[in-house]
Every structure is written in structure tokens, then in C-alpha cells.
N, C-alpha and C. Protein backbone atom coordinates (compact mmCIF):
# COMPACT_ATOMS: atom_id res chain seq x y z
N MET A 1 -16.42 183.12 24.88
CA MET A 1 -15.98 182.23 24.76
C MET A 1 -14.98 182.66 25.93
N GLU A 2 -14.95 184.38 26.00
CA GLU A 2 -13.77 184.81 27.55
C GLU A 2 -14.42 184.23 28.16
N GLN A 3 -15.86 184.43 28.57
CA GLN A 3 -16.88 184.08 29.84
C GLN A 3 -16.45 182.61 29.99
N LYS A 4 -16.63 181.79 29.30
CA LYS A 4 -16.41 180.16 29.33
C LYS A 4 -15.29 180.47 30.37
N PHE A 5 -13.80 180.57 29.62
CA PHE A 5 -12.75 180.00 29.89
C PHE A 5 -12.04 180.95 31.31
N SER A 6 -13.05 182.22 32.01
CA SER A 6 -12.90 182.49 33.23
C SER A 6 -13.46 181.72 34.28
N ASN A 7 -14.74 181.24 33.91
CA ASN A 7 -15.17 180.08 34.87
C ASN A 7 -14.60 178.88 34.95
N ASN A 8 -13.71 178.71 34.55
CA ASN A 8 -13.12 177.75 35.13
C ASN A 8 -12.67 176.97 36.26
N SER A 9 -12.37 175.68 36.02
CA SER A 9 -12.36 175.34 37.68
C SER A 9 -11.03 176.11 38.04
N ILE A 10 -10.91 176.02 39.79
CA ILE A 10 -9.59 176.70 40.16
C ILE A 10 -8.74 176.06 40.26
N ASP A 11 -8.50 175.09 39.79
CA ASP A 11 -6.90 174.75 39.56
C ASP A 11 -6.44 175.40 38.02
N LEU A 12 -7.63 175.05 37.12
CA LEU A 12 -7.09 175.99 35.59
C LEU A 12 -6.46 177.40 36.30
N GLN A 13 -7.43 178.12 37.29
CA GLN A 13 -7.11 179.79 37.42
C GLN A 13 -5.80 179.74 38.43
N MET A 14 -5.20 178.71 38.92
CA MET A 14 -4.18 178.49 39.56
C MET A 14 -3.07 177.94 39.12
N LEU A 15 -3.22 177.21 37.57
CA LEU A 15 -2.15 177.14 36.87
C LEU A 15 -1.64 178.07 35.92
N ARG A 16 -3.01 179.11 35.42
CA ARG A 16 -3.03 180.91 34.97
C ARG A 16 -1.90 181.52 35.70
N ALA A 17 -2.34 181.57 37.45
CA ALA A 17 -1.57 182.27 38.06
C ALA A 17 0.29 181.80 37.99
N ILE A 18 0.52 180.91 38.07
CA ILE A 18 1.58 180.47 37.97
C ILE A 18 2.78 180.64 36.54
N ILE A 19 1.55 180.48 35.50
CA ILE A 19 2.30 180.60 34.12
C ILE A 19 2.83 182.44 34.11
N ALA A 20 1.48 183.11 35.05
CA ALA A 20 1.43 184.47 34.76
C ALA A 20 2.78 184.97 35.76
N GLU A 21 3.14 184.25 37.17
CA GLU A 21 3.91 185.02 37.92
C GLU A 21 5.27 184.04 37.09
N HIS A 22 5.69 183.19 36.36
CA HIS A 22 6.47 182.72 35.78
C HIS A 22 6.89 183.79 34.82
N ILE A 23 6.57 184.04 33.74
CA ILE A 23 6.28 185.19 33.04
C ILE A 23 6.75 186.69 33.09
N LEU A 24 6.49 186.69 34.49
CA LEU A 24 6.56 188.31 34.99
C LEU A 24 8.28 187.72 35.58
N PHE A 25 8.44 186.84 36.43
CA PHE A 25 9.79 187.14 36.40
C PHE A 25 10.75 186.81 35.52
N GLN A 26 10.53 185.84 34.78
CA GLN A 26 11.19 185.93 33.28
C GLN A 26 11.33 187.29 32.61
N PHE A 27 10.12 188.43 32.54
CA PHE A 27 9.88 189.49 31.87
C PHE A 27 11.59 190.58 32.91
N ARG A 28 11.25 190.55 34.29
CA ARG A 28 12.56 191.35 35.08
C ARG A 28 13.33 190.67 35.26
N SER A 29 13.75 189.54 35.32
CA SER A 29 15.40 188.92 34.67
C SER A 29 16.18 189.50 34.04
N ARG A 30 15.10 189.25 32.60
CA ARG A 30 15.34 190.04 31.21
C ARG A 30 15.29 191.50 31.68
N TYR A 31 15.12 192.18 32.24
CA TYR A 31 14.86 194.08 32.36
C TYR A 31 16.35 193.58 33.08
N LEU A 32 16.03 193.18 34.21
CA LEU A 32 17.61 193.43 34.97
C LEU A 32 18.53 193.35 34.45
N ASP A 33 19.16 191.66 33.77
CA ASP A 33 19.55 191.93 32.96
C ASP A 33 20.32 192.50 31.88
N ILE A 34 18.90 193.16 31.23
CA ILE A 34 19.49 194.27 30.09
C ILE A 34 20.19 195.89 30.72
N HIS A 35 19.63 196.05 31.89
CA HIS A 35 20.22 197.57 32.30
C HIS A 35 21.43 197.39 33.67
N CYS A 36 21.11 196.14 34.19
CA CYS A 36 22.25 196.12 34.89
C CYS A 36 23.67 195.63 34.71
N ALA A 37 24.01 194.76 33.87
CA ALA A 37 24.76 193.60 33.72
C ALA A 37 25.61 194.32 32.12
N THR A 38 26.69 193.99 32.41
CA THR A 38 27.06 194.43 30.98
C THR A 38 27.36 193.00 30.17
N ALA A 39 27.69 194.09 28.52
CA ALA A 39 27.34 192.91 27.41
C ALA A 39 28.04 191.48 27.62
N ARG A 40 28.84 191.39 28.18
CA ARG A 40 29.87 189.92 28.41
C ARG A 40 29.17 189.11 29.60
N GLU A 41 28.73 190.05 30.70
CA GLU A 41 28.28 189.20 31.58
C GLU A 41 26.61 188.84 31.44
N ARG A 42 25.70 189.75 30.26
CA ARG A 42 24.54 189.00 29.63
C ARG A 42 24.80 187.87 29.05
N TYR A 43 26.14 187.75 28.00
CA TYR A 43 26.52 186.54 27.11
C TYR A 43 27.14 185.56 27.94
N GLU A 44 27.78 185.62 29.19
CA GLU A 44 27.70 184.35 30.12
C GLU A 44 26.79 183.89 30.91
N LEU A 45 25.83 184.78 31.35
CA LEU A 45 24.45 184.52 31.42
C LEU A 45 23.94 183.86 30.86
N LEU A 46 23.73 183.78 29.54
CA LEU A 46 22.95 183.87 28.59
C LEU A 46 23.30 181.60 28.14
N LEU A 47 25.12 181.49 28.47
CA LEU A 47 25.66 180.42 28.05
C LEU A 47 25.36 179.75 29.14
N ARG A 48 25.19 180.33 30.58
CA ARG A 48 24.90 179.30 31.36
C ARG A 48 23.30 179.07 31.70
N ARG A 49 22.60 179.33 31.06
CA ARG A 49 21.03 179.59 31.26
C ARG A 49 21.16 178.13 30.19
N CYS A 50 21.63 178.87 29.04
CA CYS A 50 20.93 177.74 27.76
C CYS A 50 22.56 176.95 27.03
N PRO A 51 23.40 176.30 27.80
CA PRO A 51 24.94 176.24 27.28
C PRO A 51 24.72 175.55 25.74
N GLY A 52 23.69 174.81 24.85
CA GLY A 52 23.95 174.68 23.54
C GLY A 52 23.57 176.06 22.96
N ILE A 53 22.89 176.86 22.84
CA ILE A 53 22.67 178.06 22.25
C ILE A 53 23.21 178.58 21.46
N VAL A 54 24.33 178.85 21.16
CA VAL A 54 24.93 178.92 20.40
C VAL A 54 25.33 178.16 19.01
N HIS A 55 25.34 176.90 19.20
CA HIS A 55 25.17 176.11 18.24
C HIS A 55 23.95 175.99 17.46
N HIS A 56 22.80 177.00 17.67
CA HIS A 56 21.63 176.91 17.08
C HIS A 56 20.96 177.81 16.84
N LEU A 57 22.04 178.91 17.00
CA LEU A 57 21.12 180.30 16.67
C LEU A 57 22.98 180.77 15.90
N ALA A 58 22.06 181.79 14.99
CA ALA A 58 23.14 182.76 14.36
C ALA A 58 23.78 183.78 14.82
N LEU A 59 24.67 184.28 15.19
CA LEU A 59 25.75 185.36 15.36
C LEU A 59 24.57 186.30 15.60
N GLN A 60 23.87 186.97 14.59
CA GLN A 60 23.21 187.58 14.44
C GLN A 60 22.13 187.89 15.63
N ASP A 61 21.63 186.74 15.48
CA ASP A 61 20.22 186.38 16.98
C ASP A 61 20.75 186.86 18.22
N LEU A 62 21.47 185.86 18.18
CA LEU A 62 22.46 186.08 19.62
C LEU A 62 22.57 187.48 19.82
N ALA A 63 23.37 188.14 19.40
CA ALA A 63 23.60 189.93 19.74
C ALA A 63 22.54 190.25 19.64
N SER A 64 21.58 190.17 18.52
CA SER A 64 20.31 190.87 18.81
C SER A 64 19.59 190.70 20.27
N PHE A 65 19.46 189.55 20.78
CA PHE A 65 19.06 189.20 22.34
C PHE A 65 19.76 189.69 23.20
N LEU A 66 20.68 190.37 23.28
CA LEU A 66 21.96 190.35 23.84
C LEU A 66 21.86 192.31 23.65
N CYS A 67 21.52 192.60 22.72
CA CYS A 67 21.56 194.57 22.50
C CYS A 67 22.63 194.53 22.22
N VAL A 68 23.63 193.78 21.27
CA VAL A 68 25.00 194.39 21.12
C VAL A 68 25.25 193.99 19.52
N THR A 69 26.68 194.61 18.98
CA THR A 69 26.37 194.50 17.63
C THR A 69 26.56 192.83 17.31
N PRO A 70 26.79 192.54 16.00
CA PRO A 70 27.42 191.14 15.90
C PRO A 70 29.27 191.27 16.13
N ASN A 71 29.53 192.41 15.78
CA ASN A 71 31.15 192.60 15.89
C ASN A 71 31.24 192.64 17.21
N TYR A 72 30.77 193.24 18.12
CA TYR A 72 30.67 193.24 19.37
C TYR A 72 30.89 191.65 20.42
N LEU A 73 29.69 191.07 19.85
CA LEU A 73 29.88 190.00 20.37
C LEU A 73 30.44 188.98 19.77
N SER A 74 31.20 189.17 18.77
CA SER A 74 32.58 188.47 18.39
C SER A 74 33.54 188.55 18.89
N THR A 75 33.76 190.03 19.33
CA THR A 75 35.15 190.30 20.28
C THR A 75 34.76 189.55 21.71
N ILE A 76 33.54 189.91 22.07
CA ILE A 76 33.71 188.79 23.65
C ILE A 76 33.64 187.34 23.47
N ARG A 77 33.38 186.85 22.64
CA ARG A 77 33.62 185.47 22.24
C ARG A 77 34.89 185.16 22.38
N LYS A 78 35.39 186.08 21.32
CA LYS A 78 37.13 185.99 21.09
C LYS A 78 37.55 186.03 22.67
N ASP A 79 37.69 186.86 23.31
CA ASP A 79 37.75 187.05 24.86
C ASP A 79 37.92 185.96 25.55
N ILE A 80 36.47 185.42 25.40
CA ILE A 80 36.53 184.66 26.55
C ILE A 80 37.28 183.17 26.40
N THR A 81 37.51 182.79 25.01
CA THR A 81 37.78 181.99 24.22
C THR A 81 39.58 181.83 24.28
N PHE A 82 40.19 183.10 24.35
CA PHE A 82 41.56 183.30 24.82
C PHE A 82 42.06 183.04 26.07
N GLU A 83 40.78 183.58 27.29
CA GLU A 83 41.31 183.54 28.42
C GLU A 83 40.87 182.07 29.38
N THR A 84 40.02 181.45 28.44
CA THR A 84 40.29 179.82 28.85
C THR A 84 41.06 179.27 28.10
N LYS A 85 41.97 179.38 26.95
CA LYS A 85 43.45 178.26 26.51
C LYS A 85 44.56 178.99 27.61
N LYS A 86 43.82 180.20 27.98
CA LYS A 86 45.83 180.74 28.90
C LYS A 86 45.75 179.60 30.18
């Protein structure tokens, strides 16, 4: 089966290359976010990339994705909320 898949058309091979490139780009972006950005910057970036995500995921899941504790994420969200009210 693997042999058949690898011998498919050039179009399919190009599609596979594009998908692999996209996945590697996403992986690199995520790696840099985790290692170079602060927790607040990661949260703000996530909100820009996926604006409605906070309405669909639990706080624990968001915190896990951002590599912070739920308490710290609550603090970040509270700070952002108070800044926008000023």
C-alpha cells in the first residue's frame, strides 16, 4: 500500500510537499512562541489567530496550550480586561 501511495501523480506529491511545509511552519512558529514570547504575548497572539477560541475551550485547556497554569492565565486575562476598560 505504501508503495502505491508513493508512486502517485506529481500533483499528489506536490500537495504532500505543501502540506508538510505548512506543518513544519506551524511547528516552528509554535516552538518560537513557547521559547521566545511571554505568556501574555502567547495569549494575545492566540487571540489574534483564533479570535473566538476563548468561548469554545475551557480555561484549563487554554492554559495547557499556552504552557501556563490556569491561575496565571486568569491573571493575564484580568489584566487585559482592566487595561481595555481604562
